[in-house]
Every structure is written in structure tokens, then in C-alpha cells.
């Protein structure tokens, strides 16, 4: 997968907002990686802010919907991982400012 496609996928994922925090999942640091194979199958490795996150299924559905809007993507597989565990240091500067985290 080329860099432009990775940037397109990450850009699409910036439209997925964590409903509890009101910040997109990319700036929150929840997306660990994306890939796209030659058949148009997208893969997303990501985490959630906590193992018990009640919004997990909604976020996964939003990821699938956002990537499905890219013409190159035919199908999306989201893998939720817990390692490394998410913490606030993974957030972008923008997310930290928006949430008042220092």
C-alpha cells in the first residue's frame, strides 16, 4: 500500500468521532495501523480508551462506514487490540488541548 492510500484511509478515519470524548479516533491515538490489500480489503488495527468502552461497537461500525466511502475499499476488517494499552500520551497535541489534558 502506498503512502497516499494510507493517508486517505487515515483521513477518512478522522471523521470517526468518539461519542464520549467528541474527538476523532486518529487524534485520540486509537488507530495503530491501517492496510489495504490488492483486492480492496482494508484492515484497521486499533484500540479503545478502555476495555469496557460501551461505545466500542458503534465506533467499529463508524470505522467500517468511513472506510467504505473510499472507492478503493471493498471490505473492512477492524481488529481491536489491547497492546499497547491506550493512554493519554498517545493523543495528538490537538486532542490534548481540546480535552484540557496536559
N, C-alpha and C. Protein backbone atom coordinates (compact mmCIF):
# COMPACT_ATOMS: atom_id res chain seq x y z
N UNK A 1 0.86 -1.18 0.00
CA UNK A 1 0.00 0.00 0.00
C UNK A 1 0.90 1.24 0.00
N UNK A 2 0.55 2.18 -0.84
CA UNK A 2 1.38 3.38 -0.91
C UNK A 2 0.99 4.39 0.17
N UNK A 3 1.87 5.35 0.35
CA UNK A 3 1.69 6.37 1.40
C UNK A 3 0.41 7.19 1.19
N UNK A 4 0.10 7.49 -0.09
CA UNK A 4 -1.10 8.28 -0.38
C UNK A 4 -2.36 7.54 0.06
N UNK A 5 -2.40 6.22 -0.16
CA UNK A 5 -3.58 5.45 0.25
C UNK A 5 -3.68 5.40 1.77
N UNK A 6 -2.55 5.23 2.43
CA UNK A 6 -2.56 5.24 3.90
C UNK A 6 -3.09 6.57 4.42
N UNK A 7 -2.63 7.67 3.80
CA UNK A 7 -3.10 8.99 4.21
C UNK A 7 -4.59 9.16 3.94
N UNK A 8 -5.08 8.62 2.83
CA UNK A 8 -6.52 8.68 2.53
C UNK A 8 -7.33 7.93 3.58
N UNK A 9 -6.83 6.75 3.95
CA UNK A 9 -7.54 5.96 4.95
C UNK A 9 -7.53 6.66 6.31
N UNK A 10 -6.38 7.18 6.70
CA UNK A 10 -6.31 7.88 7.99
C UNK A 10 -7.18 9.14 7.95
N UNK A 11 -7.21 9.81 6.81
CA UNK A 11 -8.08 10.99 6.66
C UNK A 11 -9.54 10.63 6.83
N UNK A 12 -9.94 9.49 6.24
CA UNK A 12 -11.33 9.04 6.40
C UNK A 12 -11.63 8.73 7.86
N UNK A 13 -10.65 8.15 8.55
CA UNK A 13 -10.86 7.79 9.95
C UNK A 13 -10.91 9.01 10.87
N UNK A 14 -10.40 10.14 10.39
CA UNK A 14 -10.53 11.37 11.19
C UNK A 14 -11.98 11.84 11.26
N UNK A 15 -12.84 11.26 10.45
CA UNK A 15 -14.26 11.58 10.50
C UNK A 15 -15.01 10.72 11.52
N UNK A 16 -14.33 9.76 12.12
CA UNK A 16 -14.95 8.90 13.13
C UNK A 16 -14.70 9.53 14.50
N UNK A 17 -15.76 10.01 15.10
CA UNK A 17 -15.69 10.71 16.38
C UNK A 17 -16.02 9.76 17.52
N UNK A 18 -15.18 9.77 18.55
CA UNK A 18 -15.50 9.01 19.76
C UNK A 18 -16.68 9.73 20.41
N UNK A 19 -17.83 9.06 20.52
CA UNK A 19 -19.04 9.74 21.02
C UNK A 19 -18.92 10.24 22.45
N UNK A 20 -18.08 9.61 23.25
CA UNK A 20 -17.95 10.03 24.65
C UNK A 20 -17.02 11.23 24.80
N UNK A 21 -15.97 11.30 23.96
CA UNK A 21 -14.98 12.37 24.11
C UNK A 21 -15.15 13.49 23.08
N UNK A 22 -15.85 13.24 21.99
CA UNK A 22 -16.08 14.27 20.98
C UNK A 22 -14.87 14.60 20.14
N UNK A 23 -13.88 13.72 20.12
CA UNK A 23 -12.66 13.90 19.34
C UNK A 23 -12.53 12.68 18.42
N UNK A 24 -11.93 12.89 17.23
CA UNK A 24 -11.81 11.76 16.30
C UNK A 24 -10.79 10.73 16.81
N UNK A 25 -10.98 9.50 16.33
CA UNK A 25 -10.17 8.38 16.82
C UNK A 25 -8.70 8.47 16.41
N UNK A 26 -8.39 9.18 15.32
CA UNK A 26 -7.00 9.34 14.90
C UNK A 26 -6.27 10.26 15.89
N UNK A 27 -6.85 11.42 16.17
CA UNK A 27 -6.22 12.36 17.10
C UNK A 27 -6.20 11.83 18.54
N UNK A 28 -7.13 10.94 18.86
CA UNK A 28 -7.09 10.32 20.18
C UNK A 28 -5.96 9.29 20.28
N UNK A 29 -5.40 8.90 19.14
CA UNK A 29 -4.33 7.90 19.16
C UNK A 29 -4.84 6.47 19.25
N UNK A 30 -6.09 6.26 18.87
CA UNK A 30 -6.68 4.92 18.96
C UNK A 30 -6.34 4.04 17.76
N UNK A 31 -5.95 4.64 16.64
CA UNK A 31 -5.63 3.86 15.44
C UNK A 31 -4.15 3.55 15.42
N UNK A 32 -3.81 2.27 15.47
CA UNK A 32 -2.41 1.85 15.49
C UNK A 32 -1.88 1.58 14.09
N UNK A 33 -2.76 1.22 13.15
CA UNK A 33 -2.29 0.96 11.80
C UNK A 33 -3.43 0.65 10.86
N UNK A 34 -3.19 0.92 9.56
CA UNK A 34 -4.17 0.60 8.52
C UNK A 34 -3.42 -0.07 7.36
N UNK A 35 -4.13 -0.93 6.64
CA UNK A 35 -3.56 -1.50 5.43
C UNK A 35 -4.68 -1.83 4.45
N UNK A 36 -4.29 -1.98 3.21
CA UNK A 36 -5.23 -2.31 2.14
C UNK A 36 -4.55 -3.30 1.22
N UNK A 37 -5.19 -4.47 0.99
CA UNK A 37 -4.59 -5.44 0.08
C UNK A 37 -5.04 -5.18 -1.35
N UNK A 38 -4.49 -5.95 -2.28
CA UNK A 38 -4.77 -5.72 -3.70
C UNK A 38 -6.22 -6.01 -4.09
N UNK A 39 -6.97 -6.71 -3.23
CA UNK A 39 -8.37 -6.99 -3.51
C UNK A 39 -9.32 -5.94 -2.93
N UNK A 40 -8.76 -4.91 -2.29
CA UNK A 40 -9.60 -3.87 -1.71
C UNK A 40 -10.07 -4.16 -0.30
N UNK A 41 -9.42 -5.13 0.36
CA UNK A 41 -9.76 -5.45 1.74
C UNK A 41 -8.94 -4.58 2.68
N UNK A 42 -9.62 -3.73 3.42
CA UNK A 42 -8.95 -2.84 4.35
C UNK A 42 -8.87 -3.49 5.72
N UNK A 43 -7.77 -3.25 6.39
CA UNK A 43 -7.61 -3.71 7.76
C UNK A 43 -7.25 -2.53 8.64
N UNK A 44 -7.84 -2.50 9.82
CA UNK A 44 -7.55 -1.44 10.79
C UNK A 44 -7.21 -2.12 12.10
N UNK A 45 -6.05 -1.76 12.64
CA UNK A 45 -5.68 -2.21 13.98
C UNK A 45 -5.83 -1.00 14.89
N UNK A 46 -6.67 -1.15 15.87
CA UNK A 46 -6.96 -0.02 16.75
C UNK A 46 -7.30 -0.51 18.14
N UNK A 47 -7.41 0.43 19.05
CA UNK A 47 -7.80 0.12 20.41
C UNK A 47 -8.94 1.05 20.80
N UNK A 48 -9.40 0.90 22.01
CA UNK A 48 -10.42 1.78 22.58
C UNK A 48 -9.84 2.40 23.85
N UNK A 49 -10.47 3.43 24.36
CA UNK A 49 -9.92 4.09 25.54
C UNK A 49 -9.96 3.20 26.78
N UNK A 50 -10.85 2.22 26.80
CA UNK A 50 -10.90 1.26 27.90
C UNK A 50 -11.51 -0.04 27.41
N UNK A 51 -11.17 -1.13 28.09
CA UNK A 51 -11.69 -2.44 27.69
C UNK A 51 -13.21 -2.50 27.79
N UNK A 52 -13.76 -1.78 28.71
CA UNK A 52 -15.20 -1.80 28.91
C UNK A 52 -15.94 -0.70 28.16
N UNK A 53 -15.28 -0.11 27.17
CA UNK A 53 -15.88 1.01 26.44
C UNK A 53 -17.23 0.61 25.84
N UNK A 54 -18.32 1.22 26.31
CA UNK A 54 -19.65 0.83 25.82
C UNK A 54 -19.89 1.27 24.37
N UNK A 55 -19.06 2.18 23.86
CA UNK A 55 -19.25 2.69 22.50
C UNK A 55 -18.45 1.90 21.47
N UNK A 56 -17.74 0.87 21.90
CA UNK A 56 -16.90 0.09 21.00
C UNK A 56 -17.60 -0.36 19.72
N UNK A 57 -18.75 -1.05 19.83
CA UNK A 57 -19.43 -1.49 18.61
C UNK A 57 -19.83 -0.35 17.69
N UNK A 58 -20.24 0.77 18.25
CA UNK A 58 -20.62 1.93 17.44
C UNK A 58 -19.40 2.52 16.73
N UNK A 59 -18.27 2.57 17.44
CA UNK A 59 -17.05 3.10 16.83
C UNK A 59 -16.59 2.19 15.69
N UNK A 60 -16.61 0.88 15.90
CA UNK A 60 -16.22 -0.07 14.85
C UNK A 60 -17.12 0.09 13.63
N UNK A 61 -18.42 0.22 13.84
CA UNK A 61 -19.35 0.41 12.72
C UNK A 61 -19.04 1.72 11.98
N UNK A 62 -18.69 2.76 12.72
CA UNK A 62 -18.35 4.04 12.10
C UNK A 62 -17.06 3.94 11.29
N UNK A 63 -16.08 3.16 11.78
CA UNK A 63 -14.83 2.93 11.04
C UNK A 63 -15.14 2.24 9.71
N UNK A 64 -15.95 1.19 9.78
CA UNK A 64 -16.31 0.46 8.56
C UNK A 64 -17.03 1.37 7.57
N UNK A 65 -17.92 2.20 8.06
CA UNK A 65 -18.66 3.12 7.20
C UNK A 65 -17.73 4.17 6.57
N UNK A 66 -16.83 4.73 7.37
CA UNK A 66 -15.92 5.77 6.87
C UNK A 66 -15.00 5.23 5.79
N UNK A 67 -14.42 4.05 6.01
CA UNK A 67 -13.52 3.48 5.01
C UNK A 67 -14.29 2.98 3.79
N UNK A 68 -15.53 2.57 3.99
CA UNK A 68 -16.36 2.11 2.88
C UNK A 68 -16.67 3.20 1.87
N UNK A 69 -16.49 4.45 2.26
CA UNK A 69 -16.73 5.57 1.35
C UNK A 69 -15.56 5.77 0.38
N UNK A 70 -14.42 5.16 0.66
CA UNK A 70 -13.28 5.26 -0.25
C UNK A 70 -13.49 4.27 -1.40
N UNK A 71 -13.36 4.71 -2.64
CA UNK A 71 -13.63 3.82 -3.77
C UNK A 71 -12.73 2.59 -3.83
N UNK A 72 -11.53 2.67 -3.28
CA UNK A 72 -10.60 1.55 -3.32
C UNK A 72 -10.96 0.45 -2.33
N UNK A 73 -11.77 0.78 -1.32
CA UNK A 73 -12.08 -0.16 -0.24
C UNK A 73 -13.36 -0.92 -0.55
N UNK A 74 -13.22 -2.25 -0.60
CA UNK A 74 -14.38 -3.12 -0.86
C UNK A 74 -14.94 -3.71 0.43
N UNK A 75 -14.06 -3.96 1.40
CA UNK A 75 -14.47 -4.56 2.67
C UNK A 75 -13.49 -4.09 3.75
N UNK A 76 -13.97 -4.05 4.99
CA UNK A 76 -13.13 -3.58 6.10
C UNK A 76 -13.19 -4.57 7.25
N UNK A 77 -12.02 -4.86 7.80
CA UNK A 77 -11.91 -5.70 8.98
C UNK A 77 -11.23 -4.88 10.07
N UNK A 78 -11.94 -4.68 11.17
CA UNK A 78 -11.40 -3.91 12.29
C UNK A 78 -10.97 -4.88 13.38
N UNK A 79 -9.71 -4.78 13.75
CA UNK A 79 -9.18 -5.62 14.82
C UNK A 79 -8.92 -4.73 16.04
N UNK A 80 -9.64 -5.01 17.12
CA UNK A 80 -9.44 -4.29 18.37
C UNK A 80 -8.34 -5.00 19.14
N UNK A 81 -7.30 -4.25 19.50
CA UNK A 81 -6.18 -4.82 20.25
C UNK A 81 -6.02 -4.05 21.56
N UNK A 82 -5.41 -4.68 22.53
CA UNK A 82 -5.23 -4.06 23.84
C UNK A 82 -3.76 -3.86 24.18
N UNK A 83 -2.89 -4.15 23.22
CA UNK A 83 -1.47 -3.97 23.44
C UNK A 83 -0.87 -3.24 22.25
N UNK A 84 -0.24 -2.11 22.43
CA UNK A 84 -0.05 -1.49 23.75
C UNK A 84 -1.33 -0.86 24.25
N UNK A 85 -1.51 -0.82 25.56
CA UNK A 85 -2.71 -0.18 26.11
C UNK A 85 -2.71 1.31 25.81
N UNK A 86 -3.89 1.83 25.54
CA UNK A 86 -4.02 3.26 25.24
C UNK A 86 -3.81 4.08 26.51
N UNK A 87 -3.15 5.21 26.36
CA UNK A 87 -3.14 6.21 27.44
C UNK A 87 -3.11 7.59 26.82
N UNK A 88 -3.31 8.60 27.64
CA UNK A 88 -3.49 9.96 27.13
C UNK A 88 -2.26 10.49 26.40
N UNK A 89 -1.10 9.90 26.60
CA UNK A 89 0.11 10.34 25.90
C UNK A 89 0.05 10.02 24.41
N UNK A 90 -0.84 9.14 24.00
CA UNK A 90 -0.99 8.77 22.59
C UNK A 90 -1.79 9.80 21.80
N UNK A 91 -2.45 10.72 22.51
CA UNK A 91 -3.26 11.73 21.84
C UNK A 91 -2.39 12.76 21.15
N UNK A 92 -2.90 13.32 20.08
CA UNK A 92 -2.22 14.42 19.40
C UNK A 92 -2.28 15.66 20.28
N UNK A 93 -1.45 16.63 19.94
CA UNK A 93 -1.48 17.91 20.66
C UNK A 93 -2.87 18.54 20.58
N UNK A 94 -3.48 18.45 19.40
CA UNK A 94 -4.83 18.98 19.21
C UNK A 94 -5.82 18.36 20.20
N UNK A 95 -5.80 17.03 20.31
CA UNK A 95 -6.74 16.34 21.20
C UNK A 95 -6.48 16.73 22.66
N UNK A 96 -5.21 16.82 23.02
CA UNK A 96 -4.88 17.19 24.41
C UNK A 96 -5.40 18.58 24.74
N UNK A 97 -5.21 19.53 23.79
CA UNK A 97 -5.71 20.90 24.01
C UNK A 97 -7.24 20.90 24.10
N UNK A 98 -7.89 20.19 23.18
CA UNK A 98 -9.35 20.16 23.14
C UNK A 98 -9.95 19.57 24.40
N UNK A 99 -9.25 18.60 24.98
CA UNK A 99 -9.76 17.93 26.18
C UNK A 99 -9.18 18.51 27.47
N UNK A 100 -8.29 19.51 27.34
CA UNK A 100 -7.69 20.12 28.53
C UNK A 100 -6.74 19.20 29.26
N UNK A 101 -6.07 18.33 28.51
CA UNK A 101 -5.11 17.39 29.10
C UNK A 101 -3.72 17.95 28.89
N UNK A 102 -2.92 17.94 29.94
CA UNK A 102 -1.54 18.44 29.77
C UNK A 102 -0.53 17.31 29.86
